[in-house]
Amino acid sequence: MTADVGAPELEDRPALRDGDVPVSWACGVTPHAAIMASRPPGHMLVPDVPDAAYAA
């Protein structure tokens, strides 16, 4: 993963105008890349917690 939000690895470079603030958000690619990079030996991640479990 890159630390430079202005130089993404998985998409096109953003076109920014004066006053724009670049942001990033998690999508399906982000957790997939993180899990693949961690290389858990012989383990499987099952992210099956429903949204309701996080409700305040």
N, C-alpha and C. Protein backbone atom coordinates (compact mmCIF):
# COMPACT_ATOMS: atom_id res chain seq x y z
N MET A 1 0.84 -1.18 0.00
CA MET A 1 0.00 0.00 0.00
C MET A 1 0.89 1.24 0.00
N THR A 2 0.39 2.26 -0.62
CA THR A 2 1.15 3.50 -0.70
C THR A 2 0.71 4.46 0.40
N ALA A 3 1.63 5.27 0.86
CA ALA A 3 1.32 6.27 1.87
C ALA A 3 0.94 7.59 1.22
N ASP A 4 1.09 7.70 -0.10
CA ASP A 4 0.81 8.94 -0.82
C ASP A 4 -0.55 8.85 -1.48
N VAL A 5 -1.53 9.55 -0.91
CA VAL A 5 -2.89 9.49 -1.44
C VAL A 5 -2.96 10.09 -2.85
N GLY A 6 -1.96 10.89 -3.22
CA GLY A 6 -1.93 11.47 -4.55
C GLY A 6 -1.38 10.54 -5.61
N ALA A 7 -0.90 9.36 -5.19
CA ALA A 7 -0.35 8.39 -6.13
C ALA A 7 -0.89 7.00 -5.82
N PRO A 8 -2.17 6.78 -6.07
CA PRO A 8 -2.78 5.48 -5.76
C PRO A 8 -2.20 4.36 -6.61
N GLU A 9 -2.19 3.16 -6.05
CA GLU A 9 -1.66 1.99 -6.75
C GLU A 9 -2.72 1.27 -7.57
N LEU A 10 -3.98 1.40 -7.19
CA LEU A 10 -5.03 0.58 -7.79
C LEU A 10 -6.03 1.36 -8.63
N GLU A 11 -5.77 2.62 -8.89
CA GLU A 11 -6.69 3.43 -9.70
C GLU A 11 -5.93 4.59 -10.30
N ASP A 12 -6.63 5.43 -11.06
CA ASP A 12 -6.00 6.58 -11.68
C ASP A 12 -5.68 7.66 -10.65
N ARG A 13 -4.66 8.46 -10.98
CA ARG A 13 -4.30 9.59 -10.13
C ARG A 13 -5.47 10.58 -10.12
N PRO A 14 -5.85 11.10 -8.96
CA PRO A 14 -6.99 12.03 -8.91
C PRO A 14 -6.65 13.37 -9.55
N ALA A 15 -7.64 13.99 -10.18
CA ALA A 15 -7.49 15.33 -10.72
C ALA A 15 -7.98 16.30 -9.65
N LEU A 16 -7.08 17.02 -9.02
CA LEU A 16 -7.44 17.92 -7.93
C LEU A 16 -7.44 19.37 -8.41
N ARG A 17 -8.38 20.14 -7.88
CA ARG A 17 -8.46 21.58 -8.15
C ARG A 17 -8.13 22.32 -6.87
N ASP A 18 -7.85 23.61 -6.97
CA ASP A 18 -7.57 24.42 -5.79
C ASP A 18 -8.70 24.28 -4.78
N GLY A 19 -8.34 24.01 -3.54
CA GLY A 19 -9.33 23.87 -2.48
C GLY A 19 -9.79 22.44 -2.25
N ASP A 20 -9.49 21.54 -3.18
CA ASP A 20 -9.87 20.14 -2.99
C ASP A 20 -8.99 19.50 -1.92
N VAL A 21 -9.58 18.62 -1.15
CA VAL A 21 -8.85 17.88 -0.13
C VAL A 21 -8.96 16.39 -0.48
N PRO A 22 -7.83 15.75 -0.82
CA PRO A 22 -7.91 14.33 -1.17
C PRO A 22 -8.21 13.47 0.05
N VAL A 23 -9.09 12.51 -0.12
CA VAL A 23 -9.43 11.57 0.94
C VAL A 23 -9.43 10.16 0.36
N SER A 24 -9.43 9.19 1.22
CA SER A 24 -9.48 7.81 0.79
C SER A 24 -10.47 7.07 1.68
N TRP A 25 -11.13 6.08 1.12
CA TRP A 25 -12.07 5.29 1.92
C TRP A 25 -11.87 3.82 1.58
N ALA A 26 -12.25 3.01 2.52
CA ALA A 26 -12.10 1.57 2.32
C ALA A 26 -13.13 1.09 1.31
N CYS A 27 -12.72 0.19 0.48
CA CYS A 27 -13.62 -0.45 -0.47
C CYS A 27 -13.28 -1.93 -0.46
N GLY A 28 -13.81 -2.69 -1.35
CA GLY A 28 -13.52 -4.12 -1.37
C GLY A 28 -12.08 -4.45 -1.67
N VAL A 29 -11.39 -3.56 -2.40
CA VAL A 29 -10.00 -3.82 -2.76
C VAL A 29 -9.08 -3.62 -1.56
N THR A 30 -9.35 -2.63 -0.72
CA THR A 30 -8.48 -2.31 0.41
C THR A 30 -8.32 -3.48 1.38
N PRO A 31 -9.41 -4.04 1.93
CA PRO A 31 -9.23 -5.16 2.85
C PRO A 31 -8.64 -6.39 2.16
N HIS A 32 -8.99 -6.62 0.90
CA HIS A 32 -8.45 -7.76 0.17
C HIS A 32 -6.93 -7.63 0.06
N ALA A 33 -6.45 -6.45 -0.32
CA ALA A 33 -5.00 -6.23 -0.45
C ALA A 33 -4.30 -6.37 0.90
N ALA A 34 -4.92 -5.87 1.97
CA ALA A 34 -4.32 -5.98 3.30
C ALA A 34 -4.22 -7.44 3.75
N ILE A 35 -5.26 -8.20 3.51
CA ILE A 35 -5.26 -9.61 3.92
C ILE A 35 -4.24 -10.40 3.11
N MET A 36 -4.19 -10.15 1.80
CA MET A 36 -3.22 -10.85 0.97
C MET A 36 -1.79 -10.50 1.36
N ALA A 37 -1.55 -9.25 1.73
CA ALA A 37 -0.20 -8.82 2.12
C ALA A 37 0.21 -9.41 3.46
N SER A 38 -0.76 -9.70 4.34
CA SER A 38 -0.43 -10.23 5.66
C SER A 38 -0.06 -11.70 5.60
N ARG A 39 -0.49 -12.40 4.55
CA ARG A 39 -0.18 -13.81 4.34
C ARG A 39 -0.40 -14.67 5.59
N PRO A 40 -1.63 -14.72 6.10
CA PRO A 40 -1.87 -15.56 7.28
C PRO A 40 -1.65 -17.04 6.96
N PRO A 41 -0.72 -17.69 7.64
CA PRO A 41 -0.39 -19.09 7.31
C PRO A 41 -1.51 -20.05 7.71
N GLY A 42 -2.15 -20.64 6.71
CA GLY A 42 -3.16 -21.66 6.96
C GLY A 42 -4.40 -21.17 7.65
N HIS A 43 -4.67 -19.89 7.62
CA HIS A 43 -5.86 -19.35 8.27
C HIS A 43 -6.77 -18.70 7.23
N MET A 44 -8.04 -18.60 7.58
CA MET A 44 -9.00 -17.96 6.70
C MET A 44 -9.71 -16.87 7.49
N LEU A 45 -9.88 -15.72 6.88
CA LEU A 45 -10.61 -14.62 7.50
C LEU A 45 -12.05 -14.63 6.99
N VAL A 46 -13.00 -14.62 7.90
CA VAL A 46 -14.41 -14.59 7.52
C VAL A 46 -15.03 -13.34 8.16
N PRO A 47 -15.08 -12.24 7.42
CA PRO A 47 -15.63 -10.99 7.96
C PRO A 47 -17.16 -10.99 7.85
N ASP A 48 -17.81 -11.67 8.77
CA ASP A 48 -19.25 -11.86 8.67
C ASP A 48 -20.02 -11.16 9.79
N VAL A 49 -19.47 -10.10 10.35
CA VAL A 49 -20.17 -9.38 11.40
C VAL A 49 -21.20 -8.47 10.74
N PRO A 50 -22.48 -8.60 11.07
CA PRO A 50 -23.49 -7.75 10.44
C PRO A 50 -23.37 -6.29 10.91
N ASP A 51 -23.78 -5.37 10.05
CA ASP A 51 -23.71 -3.94 10.37
C ASP A 51 -24.40 -3.62 11.69
N ALA A 52 -25.49 -4.30 11.98
CA ALA A 52 -26.26 -4.03 13.20
C ALA A 52 -25.40 -4.23 14.46
N ALA A 53 -24.40 -5.08 14.38
CA ALA A 53 -23.55 -5.33 15.56
C ALA A 53 -22.72 -4.10 15.92
N TYR A 54 -22.55 -3.17 14.96
CA TYR A 54 -21.76 -1.97 15.22
C TYR A 54 -22.63 -0.77 15.59
N ALA A 55 -23.93 -0.93 15.60
CA ALA A 55 -24.85 0.18 15.89
C ALA A 55 -24.66 0.66 17.33
N ALA A 56 -24.69 1.96 17.47
CA ALA A 56 -24.52 2.55 18.82
C ALA A 56 -25.84 2.61 19.56
